[in-house]
Protein backbone atom coordinates (compact mmCIF):
# COMPACT_ATOMS: atom_id res chain seq x y z
CA MET A 1 -199.96 -11.16 63.33
CA LYS A 2 -197.65 -12.24 66.34
CA GLN A 3 -195.15 -9.77 67.35
CA ASN A 4 -193.01 -11.79 69.83
CA THR A 5 -190.56 -12.62 67.21
CA MET A 6 -190.32 -9.42 65.51
CA PHE A 7 -188.80 -6.10 66.34
CA ASP A 8 -190.37 -2.73 65.68
CA LEU A 9 -187.20 -0.85 64.68
CA THR A 10 -188.82 2.48 64.61
CA SER A 11 -188.66 3.06 68.34
CA GLY A 12 -186.34 2.39 71.32
CA SER A 13 -182.60 2.71 71.47
CA VAL A 14 -180.89 2.53 68.13
CA PRO A 15 -177.83 0.86 69.08
CA LYS A 16 -179.79 -1.89 71.11
CA ARG A 17 -182.37 -2.34 68.31
CA LEU A 18 -179.42 -2.71 65.64
CA PHE A 19 -177.33 -5.06 67.67
CA ARG A 20 -180.33 -7.38 68.60
CA PHE A 21 -181.52 -7.50 65.03
CA ALA A 22 -177.89 -7.96 63.59
CA LEU A 23 -176.72 -10.63 66.01
CA PRO A 24 -179.05 -13.44 64.59
CA LEU A 25 -177.88 -12.70 61.10
CA PHE A 26 -174.20 -12.70 62.15
CA LEU A 27 -174.68 -16.11 63.68
CA ALA A 28 -176.47 -17.38 60.48
CA ASN A 29 -173.46 -16.34 58.48
CA ILE A 30 -171.21 -18.25 60.74
CA LEU A 31 -173.38 -21.35 60.72
CA GLN A 32 -173.44 -21.13 56.71
CA SER A 33 -169.69 -20.84 56.68
CA CYS A 34 -169.19 -23.83 59.20
CA TYR A 35 -171.69 -25.86 57.11
CA SER A 36 -169.96 -25.18 53.92
CA MET A 37 -166.50 -26.37 55.43
CA ALA A 38 -168.11 -29.49 56.66
CA ASP A 39 -169.85 -30.33 53.49
CA MET A 40 -166.50 -30.05 51.62
CA ALA A 41 -164.86 -32.08 54.34
CA VAL A 42 -167.47 -35.01 53.76
CA VAL A 43 -166.95 -34.79 49.99
CA GLY A 44 -163.12 -34.94 50.37
CA ASN A 45 -163.10 -37.81 52.68
CA PHE A 46 -165.65 -39.94 50.95
CA VAL A 47 -165.26 -39.16 47.24
CA GLY A 48 -161.56 -38.08 47.25
CA SER A 49 -159.47 -35.04 46.01
CA GLY A 50 -161.14 -35.23 42.56
CA GLY A 51 -164.58 -34.82 44.11
CA LEU A 52 -163.47 -32.01 46.46
CA ALA A 53 -162.05 -30.12 43.38
CA ALA A 54 -165.18 -30.87 41.47
CA ALA A 55 -167.35 -29.59 44.35
CA ALA A 56 -165.21 -26.47 44.58
CA SER A 57 -165.79 -25.64 40.95
CA ALA A 58 -169.58 -26.21 41.22
CA SER A 59 -169.95 -24.25 44.28
CA LYS A 60 -168.59 -21.21 42.65
CA LEU A 61 -171.56 -21.25 40.26
CA LEU A 62 -173.94 -22.22 43.01
CA PHE A 63 -172.93 -19.29 45.05
CA LEU A 64 -173.44 -17.04 42.00
CA ILE A 65 -177.16 -18.40 41.62
CA THR A 66 -177.61 -17.96 45.42
CA SER A 67 -176.36 -14.23 45.21
CA LEU A 68 -178.84 -13.76 42.44
CA GLY A 69 -181.69 -15.06 44.68
CA SER A 70 -180.43 -12.99 47.68
CA GLY A 71 -180.18 -9.81 45.54
CA LEU A 72 -183.60 -10.12 43.71
CA THR A 73 -185.47 -10.59 46.92
CA MET A 74 -184.02 -7.54 48.45
CA GLY A 75 -186.62 -5.53 47.16
CA GLY A 76 -189.12 -7.43 49.14
CA THR A 77 -187.26 -6.70 52.33
CA VAL A 78 -187.13 -2.92 51.71
CA LEU A 79 -190.82 -2.52 50.48
CA ILE A 80 -192.06 -4.59 53.23
CA ALA A 81 -189.95 -2.57 55.73
CA HIS A 82 -191.32 0.65 54.46
CA SER A 83 -194.83 -0.63 54.65
CA ARG A 84 -194.42 -1.88 58.27
CA GLY A 85 -192.65 1.33 59.33
CA GLY A 86 -195.40 3.41 57.89
CA GLY A 87 -198.15 1.12 59.51
CA ARG A 88 -199.60 0.11 56.18
CA ARG A 89 -200.14 -3.53 56.81
CA ASP A 90 -202.36 -3.96 53.80
CA GLN A 91 -199.44 -3.13 51.61
CA ILE A 92 -197.32 -5.98 53.13
CA TRP A 93 -199.41 -8.81 51.46
CA PRO A 94 -199.19 -7.71 47.81
CA ALA A 95 -195.26 -7.23 48.37
CA ALA A 96 -195.22 -10.68 49.82
CA GLY A 97 -197.47 -12.25 47.05
CA ASN A 98 -195.59 -10.72 44.10
CA LEU A 99 -192.33 -11.56 45.72
CA PHE A 100 -193.29 -15.32 45.89
CA THR A 101 -194.59 -15.42 42.26
CA GLY A 102 -191.69 -13.38 40.91
CA SER A 103 -189.13 -15.49 42.73
CA LEU A 104 -190.84 -18.69 41.34
CA LEU A 105 -190.80 -17.58 37.67
CA THR A 106 -187.29 -16.18 37.96
CA ALA A 107 -185.92 -19.55 39.60
CA LEU A 108 -187.60 -21.74 36.74
CA ALA A 109 -185.99 -19.51 34.15
CA ILE A 110 -182.68 -19.58 35.78
CA THR A 111 -182.88 -23.46 36.27
CA ILE A 112 -183.36 -23.95 32.54
CA PHE A 113 -180.71 -21.54 31.76
CA THR A 114 -178.25 -23.04 34.05
CA LEU A 115 -178.95 -26.59 32.78
CA LEU A 116 -178.02 -25.41 29.32
CA VAL A 117 -174.95 -23.31 30.05
CA TYR A 118 -173.09 -24.87 32.94
CA PRO A 119 -170.95 -27.09 30.75
CA SER A 120 -169.73 -24.17 28.88
CA VAL A 121 -169.27 -22.34 32.19
CA PHE A 122 -167.10 -25.18 33.50
CA GLN A 123 -164.97 -25.08 30.27
CA PHE A 124 -164.53 -21.31 30.76
CA MET A 125 -163.53 -22.00 34.19
CA SER A 126 -160.81 -24.36 32.98
CA VAL A 127 -162.12 -27.23 35.07
CA PRO A 128 -159.70 -30.17 34.63
CA SER A 129 -160.97 -32.79 32.08
CA GLU A 130 -160.41 -35.70 34.65
CA ILE A 131 -162.83 -34.11 37.10
CA MET A 132 -165.41 -32.70 34.59
CA PRO A 133 -167.81 -35.61 34.82
CA LEU A 134 -167.87 -35.47 38.61
CA ALA A 135 -168.36 -31.64 38.34
CA SER A 136 -171.21 -32.00 35.75
CA SER A 137 -173.06 -34.70 37.55
CA TYR A 138 -172.96 -32.74 40.83
CA MET A 139 -174.10 -29.36 39.27
CA HIS A 140 -176.80 -31.04 37.14
CA ILE A 141 -178.69 -32.20 40.38
CA LEU A 142 -177.97 -28.94 42.08
CA CYS A 143 -179.73 -26.96 39.44
CA PHE A 144 -183.07 -28.44 40.50
CA GLY A 145 -182.61 -26.82 44.03
CA THR A 146 -182.81 -23.31 42.55
CA VAL A 147 -186.40 -22.88 43.03
CA PHE A 148 -186.02 -23.72 46.70
CA VAL A 149 -183.08 -21.37 47.06
CA PHE A 150 -185.20 -18.47 45.71
CA GLY A 151 -188.19 -19.53 47.85
CA TYR A 152 -186.13 -19.62 50.97
CA ASN A 153 -184.57 -16.21 50.25
CA ALA A 154 -188.10 -14.79 49.58
CA CYS A 155 -189.21 -16.00 52.95
CA CYS A 156 -186.21 -14.59 54.66
CA ALA A 157 -186.65 -11.29 52.85
CA ILE A 158 -190.18 -10.90 54.10
CA LEU A 159 -189.09 -11.83 57.67
CA ARG A 160 -186.36 -9.26 57.74
CA GLY A 161 -188.65 -6.69 56.36
CA LEU A 162 -191.04 -7.29 59.12
CA GLY A 163 -188.31 -7.18 61.73
CA ASP A 164 -187.63 -10.92 62.32
CA SER A 165 -184.05 -11.94 62.15
CA SER A 166 -184.16 -14.94 64.34
CA GLY A 167 -186.26 -17.04 61.85
CA PRO A 168 -183.56 -17.09 59.06
CA LEU A 169 -181.02 -18.18 61.96
CA LYS A 170 -183.41 -21.20 62.82
CA PHE A 171 -183.79 -22.06 59.12
CA VAL A 172 -179.87 -22.12 58.59
CA ALA A 173 -179.32 -24.17 61.74
CA PHE A 174 -181.92 -26.68 60.69
CA SER A 175 -180.64 -26.87 57.06
CA SER A 176 -176.98 -27.18 58.14
CA VAL A 177 -177.61 -30.15 60.49
CA LEU A 178 -179.95 -31.81 58.04
CA ASN A 179 -177.58 -31.43 55.18
CA ILE A 180 -174.65 -32.79 56.99
CA LEU A 181 -176.58 -35.76 58.23
CA LEU A 182 -177.85 -36.41 54.67
CA ASP A 183 -174.26 -35.88 53.31
CA LEU A 184 -172.98 -38.70 55.64
CA LEU A 185 -175.86 -40.92 54.73
CA LEU A 186 -176.03 -40.61 50.92
CA THR A 187 -172.37 -40.03 50.29
CA GLY A 188 -170.82 -42.15 52.92
CA VAL A 189 -173.10 -44.88 53.89
CA CYS A 190 -174.93 -45.37 50.75
CA GLY A 191 -171.96 -44.70 48.58
CA PHE A 192 -173.72 -42.36 45.91
CA GLY A 193 -170.64 -40.18 45.73
CA MET A 194 -171.07 -36.70 44.33
CA GLN A 195 -174.76 -37.46 43.38
CA GLY A 196 -175.39 -38.21 47.02
CA ALA A 197 -173.77 -34.91 48.11
CA ALA A 198 -175.85 -33.03 45.58
CA LEU A 199 -179.04 -34.70 46.58
CA ALA A 200 -178.30 -34.01 50.22
CA THR A 201 -177.95 -30.25 49.30
CA VAL A 202 -181.26 -30.18 47.28
CA PHE A 203 -183.10 -32.20 49.86
CA SER A 204 -181.95 -29.85 52.73
CA GLN A 205 -182.85 -26.75 50.53
CA ALA A 206 -186.45 -27.90 50.00
CA ALA A 207 -186.78 -28.90 53.64
CA SER A 208 -185.50 -25.37 54.66
CA CYS A 209 -187.74 -23.64 52.25
CA ALA A 210 -190.85 -25.64 53.46
CA VAL A 211 -189.93 -24.88 57.13
CA ALA A 212 -189.54 -21.19 56.26
CA VAL A 213 -193.16 -21.23 54.78
CA ILE A 214 -194.59 -22.95 57.71
CA TYR A 215 -192.88 -20.49 60.18
CA LEU A 216 -194.26 -17.51 58.15
CA TRP A 217 -197.92 -19.18 58.50
CA GLN A 218 -197.80 -20.19 61.98
CA ARG A 219 -196.93 -16.73 63.11
CA GLY A 220 -199.81 -15.11 61.05
CA MET A 221 -197.50 -13.49 58.63
CA LEU A 222 -199.26 -14.89 55.56
CA LYS A 223 -202.78 -15.03 56.93
CA GLY A 224 -203.68 -11.71 55.06
CA LEU A 225 -202.33 -13.03 51.66
CA LYS A 226 -205.00 -13.33 49.07
CA ARG A 227 -205.03 -14.95 45.73
CA THR A 228 -204.90 -11.72 43.96
CA ASP A 229 -201.70 -10.69 45.79
CA LEU A 230 -199.97 -13.62 44.08
CA CYS A 231 -200.80 -12.14 40.61
CA LEU A 232 -197.97 -9.94 39.36
CA GLN A 233 -199.11 -6.27 39.68
CA LYS A 234 -197.31 -3.48 37.95
CA ARG A 235 -197.61 -1.09 40.85
CA VAL A 236 -196.00 -3.74 43.23
CA SER A 237 -193.62 -5.68 40.84
CA ILE A 238 -192.02 -2.52 39.39
CA PRO A 239 -190.79 -1.22 42.75
CA LEU A 240 -189.65 -4.84 43.69
CA LEU A 241 -187.37 -4.91 40.58
CA ARG A 242 -186.28 -1.34 40.92
CA ILE A 243 -184.73 -2.21 44.30
CA GLY A 244 -184.08 -5.89 43.85
CA LEU A 245 -182.59 -5.83 40.22
CA PRO A 246 -179.65 -3.57 41.02
CA SER A 247 -178.82 -5.56 44.04
CA ALA A 248 -178.75 -8.79 42.20
CA VAL A 249 -176.41 -7.25 39.63
CA GLN A 250 -174.39 -6.06 42.22
CA MET A 251 -173.89 -9.26 43.99
CA SER A 252 -173.44 -11.13 40.72
CA VAL A 253 -170.82 -8.84 39.24
CA LEU A 254 -169.07 -8.69 42.60
CA ASN A 255 -168.65 -12.48 42.63
CA LEU A 256 -167.62 -12.47 39.10
CA SER A 257 -164.83 -9.95 39.81
CA TYR A 258 -163.63 -12.31 42.65
CA LEU A 259 -163.44 -15.30 40.13
CA LEU A 260 -161.44 -13.14 37.79
CA VAL A 261 -159.01 -12.02 40.34
CA THR A 262 -158.82 -15.68 41.66
CA GLY A 263 -157.70 -16.51 38.02
CA MET A 264 -155.07 -14.08 38.11
CA LEU A 265 -153.72 -15.27 41.42
CA ASN A 266 -153.70 -18.87 40.07
CA GLY A 267 -151.39 -17.74 37.52
CA CYS A 268 -148.82 -16.75 40.24
CA GLY A 269 -148.09 -20.22 41.25
CA VAL A 270 -149.37 -22.97 43.49
CA ALA A 271 -148.21 -21.56 46.55
CA VAL A 272 -149.79 -18.14 46.03
CA ALA A 273 -153.07 -19.65 44.82
CA ALA A 274 -153.30 -21.79 47.86
CA ALA A 275 -152.32 -18.94 50.18
CA ALA A 276 -154.82 -16.48 48.62
CA GLY A 277 -157.45 -19.00 48.84
CA VAL A 278 -157.01 -19.58 52.64
CA GLY A 279 -156.49 -15.72 53.14
CA LEU A 280 -159.68 -14.90 51.33
CA ASN A 281 -161.58 -17.30 53.63
CA LEU A 282 -160.19 -15.71 56.75
CA ASN A 283 -160.73 -12.31 55.35
CA THR A 284 -164.41 -13.23 54.68
CA PHE A 285 -164.73 -14.48 58.29
CA ALA A 286 -163.52 -11.07 59.45
CA ALA A 287 -166.06 -9.18 57.25
CA MET A 288 -169.05 -11.25 58.48
CA PRO A 289 -169.97 -8.97 61.41
CA CYS A 290 -170.03 -6.06 58.87
CA TRP A 291 -172.26 -8.02 56.41
CA ALA A 292 -174.74 -8.72 59.19
CA VAL A 293 -174.89 -5.17 60.45
CA GLY A 294 -175.34 -4.06 56.80
CA GLN A 295 -178.41 -6.21 56.53
CA ALA A 296 -179.71 -4.80 59.78
CA VAL A 297 -179.14 -1.42 58.47
CA THR A 298 -180.95 -1.87 55.42
CA THR A 299 -184.20 -3.17 57.34
CA MET A 300 -183.98 -0.64 60.03
CA THR A 301 -183.66 2.29 57.54
CA GLY A 302 -186.37 1.10 55.62
CA GLN A 303 -188.84 0.94 58.50
CA ASN A 304 -187.78 4.22 59.85
CA LEU A 305 -188.13 6.06 56.41
CA GLY A 306 -191.53 4.24 55.93
CA ALA A 307 -192.51 5.80 59.18
CA GLY A 308 -191.15 9.25 57.96
CA ASN A 309 -188.36 9.46 60.64
CA ILE A 310 -185.49 10.73 58.70
CA ARG A 311 -183.32 11.56 61.83
CA ARG A 312 -183.51 7.95 63.10
CA ALA A 313 -182.67 6.70 59.82
CA ALA A 314 -179.54 8.78 59.78
CA SER A 315 -178.83 7.61 63.24
CA THR A 316 -179.12 4.03 62.05
CA ALA A 317 -176.47 4.45 59.31
CA LYS A 318 -174.12 6.12 61.79
CA THR A 319 -174.60 3.53 64.54
CA GLY A 320 -174.01 0.72 62.00
CA VAL A 321 -170.68 2.13 60.91
CA TRP A 322 -169.21 2.59 64.40
CA MET A 323 -170.91 -0.83 65.55
CA SER A 324 -169.29 -2.64 62.68
CA VAL A 325 -165.81 -1.06 63.20
CA ALA A 326 -165.93 -1.96 67.02
CA VAL A 327 -166.79 -5.69 66.23
CA THR A 328 -164.50 -6.06 63.28
CA ALA A 329 -161.49 -4.17 64.64
CA PRO A 330 -160.56 -6.95 67.30
CA LEU A 331 -160.87 -9.72 64.69
CA VAL A 332 -158.60 -7.88 62.15
CA LEU A 333 -156.09 -7.19 64.95
CA ILE A 334 -155.98 -11.01 65.78
CA ILE A 335 -155.60 -11.86 62.29
CA GLN A 336 -152.77 -9.27 61.82
CA ILE A 337 -150.87 -10.70 65.00
CA PHE A 338 -151.43 -14.38 64.35
CA ALA A 339 -151.49 -14.45 60.45
CA PRO A 340 -148.81 -17.13 59.94
CA GLN A 341 -150.35 -19.34 62.62
CA LEU A 342 -153.81 -19.02 61.19
CA ILE A 343 -152.55 -19.90 57.60
CA GLY A 344 -150.59 -22.88 59.04
CA LEU A 345 -153.92 -24.26 60.35
CA PHE A 346 -154.86 -24.96 56.74
CA ASN A 347 -151.48 -25.74 55.13
CA ALA A 348 -148.07 -26.40 56.67
CA ASP A 349 -146.06 -25.44 53.48
CA PRO A 350 -143.62 -22.59 54.49
CA ALA A 351 -144.08 -20.95 51.17
CA VAL A 352 -148.00 -20.97 51.51
CA ILE A 353 -147.72 -19.57 55.06
CA ARG A 354 -145.40 -16.82 54.07
CA GLU A 355 -147.50 -15.72 50.94
CA GLY A 356 -150.63 -16.21 52.99
CA ALA A 357 -149.35 -14.03 55.88
CA TYR A 358 -148.45 -11.30 53.23
CA TYR A 359 -152.05 -11.53 51.78
CA LEU A 360 -153.55 -10.93 55.31
CA HIS A 361 -151.31 -8.24 56.40
CA LEU A 362 -152.09 -6.18 53.17
CA CYS A 363 -155.69 -7.32 52.35
CA CYS A 364 -157.09 -7.62 56.03
CA GLY A 365 -155.59 -4.54 57.63
CA LEU A 366 -156.30 -0.80 57.53
CA ASN A 367 -158.48 -1.11 54.55
CA PHE A 368 -161.22 -2.64 56.81
CA LEU A 369 -162.16 0.77 57.96
CA PRO A 370 -162.96 2.17 54.39
CA TYR A 371 -164.56 -1.14 53.44
CA THR A 372 -166.80 -1.08 56.52
CA VAL A 373 -167.86 2.65 55.79
CA MET A 374 -168.46 1.73 52.09
CA TYR A 375 -170.48 -1.43 52.82
CA LEU A 376 -172.59 0.24 55.49
CA LEU A 377 -173.48 3.20 53.47
CA ASP A 378 -174.35 1.09 50.51
CA SER A 379 -176.66 -0.89 52.66
CA PHE A 380 -178.05 2.26 54.01
CA ALA A 381 -178.82 3.54 50.44
CA THR A 382 -180.53 0.16 49.63
CA GLY A 383 -182.80 0.63 52.66
CA THR A 384 -183.80 4.07 51.42
CA GLY A 385 -184.94 2.30 48.15
CA ASP A 386 -181.96 3.81 46.27
CA SER A 387 -180.21 0.47 45.47
CA ARG A 388 -178.97 1.93 42.14
CA PHE A 389 -176.40 4.10 44.08
CA ALA A 390 -175.40 0.97 46.07
CA MET A 391 -175.04 -1.00 42.87
CA LEU A 392 -172.91 1.63 41.16
CA ASN A 393 -170.59 2.23 44.14
CA ALA A 394 -170.04 -1.32 44.74
CA LEU A 395 -169.38 -2.10 40.96
CA PHE A 396 -166.87 0.92 41.04
CA GLN A 397 -165.08 -0.96 43.91
CA SER A 398 -165.17 -4.45 42.58
CA VAL A 399 -164.73 -3.79 38.73
CA VAL A 400 -163.01 -0.51 38.23
CA LEU A 401 -160.75 -0.47 41.24
CA ARG A 402 -160.23 -4.06 42.35
CA LEU A 403 -160.19 -5.70 39.10
CA GLY A 404 -158.77 -2.75 37.07
CA LEU A 405 -155.94 -2.15 39.49
CA SER A 406 -155.15 -5.77 39.67
CA VAL A 407 -154.76 -5.77 36.01
CA LEU A 408 -152.72 -2.60 35.91
CA LEU A 409 -150.46 -3.36 38.97
CA GLY A 410 -150.16 -7.12 38.57
CA ASN A 411 -149.89 -7.50 34.75
CA VAL A 412 -149.27 -4.23 33.11
CA LEU A 413 -146.66 -2.88 35.63
CA GLY A 414 -145.55 -6.55 36.28
CA TRP A 415 -145.79 -6.31 40.12
CA GLY A 416 -147.42 -9.62 40.14
CA TYR A 417 -148.82 -10.90 43.43
CA PRO A 418 -147.91 -7.89 45.42
CA GLY A 419 -149.63 -5.66 43.00
CA ILE A 420 -152.74 -7.81 43.03
CA CYS A 421 -152.88 -7.56 47.09
CA LEU A 422 -152.19 -3.82 46.78
CA ALA A 423 -155.24 -3.38 44.51
CA GLU A 424 -157.44 -5.37 46.92
CA ALA A 425 -156.30 -3.13 49.86
CA VAL A 426 -156.72 0.09 48.31
CA SER A 427 -159.96 -0.46 46.28
CA PRO A 428 -162.52 0.37 49.05
CA ILE A 429 -161.04 3.91 49.74
CA LEU A 430 -162.66 5.86 47.00
CA PRO A 431 -166.05 4.20 47.29
CA ALA A 432 -166.13 4.86 51.09
CA ILE A 433 -165.55 8.56 50.19
CA LEU A 434 -168.31 8.51 47.71
CA GLY A 435 -170.54 6.80 50.27
CA LEU A 436 -169.82 9.65 52.66
CA GLY A 437 -170.71 12.06 50.02
CA TYR A 438 -174.02 10.41 49.51
CA PHE A 439 -174.93 10.23 52.98
CA PHE A 440 -173.95 13.78 54.22
CA GLY A 441 -175.10 15.33 50.68
CA GLY A 442 -178.69 14.32 51.72
CA ARG A 443 -179.89 13.21 48.32
CA TRP A 444 -181.46 10.14 49.94
CA LYS A 445 -183.78 12.33 52.08
CA LYS A 446 -185.69 12.98 48.90
CA THR A 447 -185.96 9.43 47.83
CA LEU A 448 -188.98 8.64 50.04
CA PRO A 449 -191.38 11.45 51.12
CA PRO A 450 -193.14 11.25 54.49
CA PRO A 451 -196.00 8.69 54.41
CA LYS A 452 -199.52 9.86 53.66
CA ALA A 453 -202.81 8.36 54.24
CA ASP A 454 -203.47 7.73 50.48
CA THR A 455 -199.97 6.49 49.60
CA VAL A 456 -199.54 2.92 48.49
CA TRP A 457 -195.86 2.90 48.81
CA PRO A 458 -193.63 5.58 50.65
CA ASN A 459 -191.97 6.46 47.30
CA GLY A 460 -195.28 7.96 46.26
CA ASN A 461 -196.28 5.27 43.60
CA LYS A 462 -200.11 4.98 43.49
């Protein structure tokens, strides 16, 4: 197995290892964000405003499916990281094989389910009748790319667990360029409209998945894989689900809560809806460094606990928090100072600029510190194998606090838009405190005992 593209995260300087591993993940997030904007721009220019609205509606459902794939494959990242850290290479292949088979079966089931329910979902989302045919034709084709989305996520999960974060960056760069070129060709030159945009997305997903598999094979990461590893095995699939399923639930419910809060904001008027939409995108951009470091913390924690190095795992969590704060703070400061100007880049309406600046000042301010602590410690918990705590803490933040407080302050107390913004701002505080209690309480130290020669997985499962 070639090591030149992978990091051994169990040795060396913790800050340097964490930064080098997180940087490609951050750049991949940036590329995905830029690609999404370019994709929407192509649809808006060649199909029109109706196509743009249809793509925006379908994209919300597609993002939910992608989140499911990313969450379910998280179990593969953690188990492979544990095995690599503990020097048990022979246990990497069953995890990888079961991950591939489980992802394929899940993707097929989700494809069938989505094809059956997406018309009802669009009705629930109140998609306007005039764009419903466009949204439906777009989504119908996108459903057939689900298997490639899950396959791609499975490959990236394996790579992250092994310590390779540069591979996913290459895949995203390749997929982004290919998708934009195909968008221009099929949607613009060939005039296939929404169907062309959907086909471009599916083709690029398939190509990216194929390139990821080839990348794994060429670097010897699949050469130890046997046919029997592709058969679902209880001793492997149960740990995969134990970690991956809570992560999938966490991501899915998190996105659903955002959809519901967005619906509440839509009821506050067009200016508020537009302002909050732009503000959320800018807030998301500011959070990208935190998300990248969180992914790195999950992998690095897994490898070090697999090696039985509890002290280094704890150092990883602490380093991840201050590193995220150090990188995110300047972005937040820039957004605070130039909030009106940044909103004005997207919309020149004075009302939108005013409401958007209000959103950013309240929702992208001091709350970034508790959010960073919460997210990084949830990522740490996932790396230990305790994704259930991460799920419960994230659901507490997104459903009970953000959504619950939005209803209480915005609707029940009648504070409207300011109340919803306030709920978003304060929602990470209590979960951050719970995360600190989890970390310093030390329960995670009992999650994975030190590796033994006869241990199949670090958690003691034979």
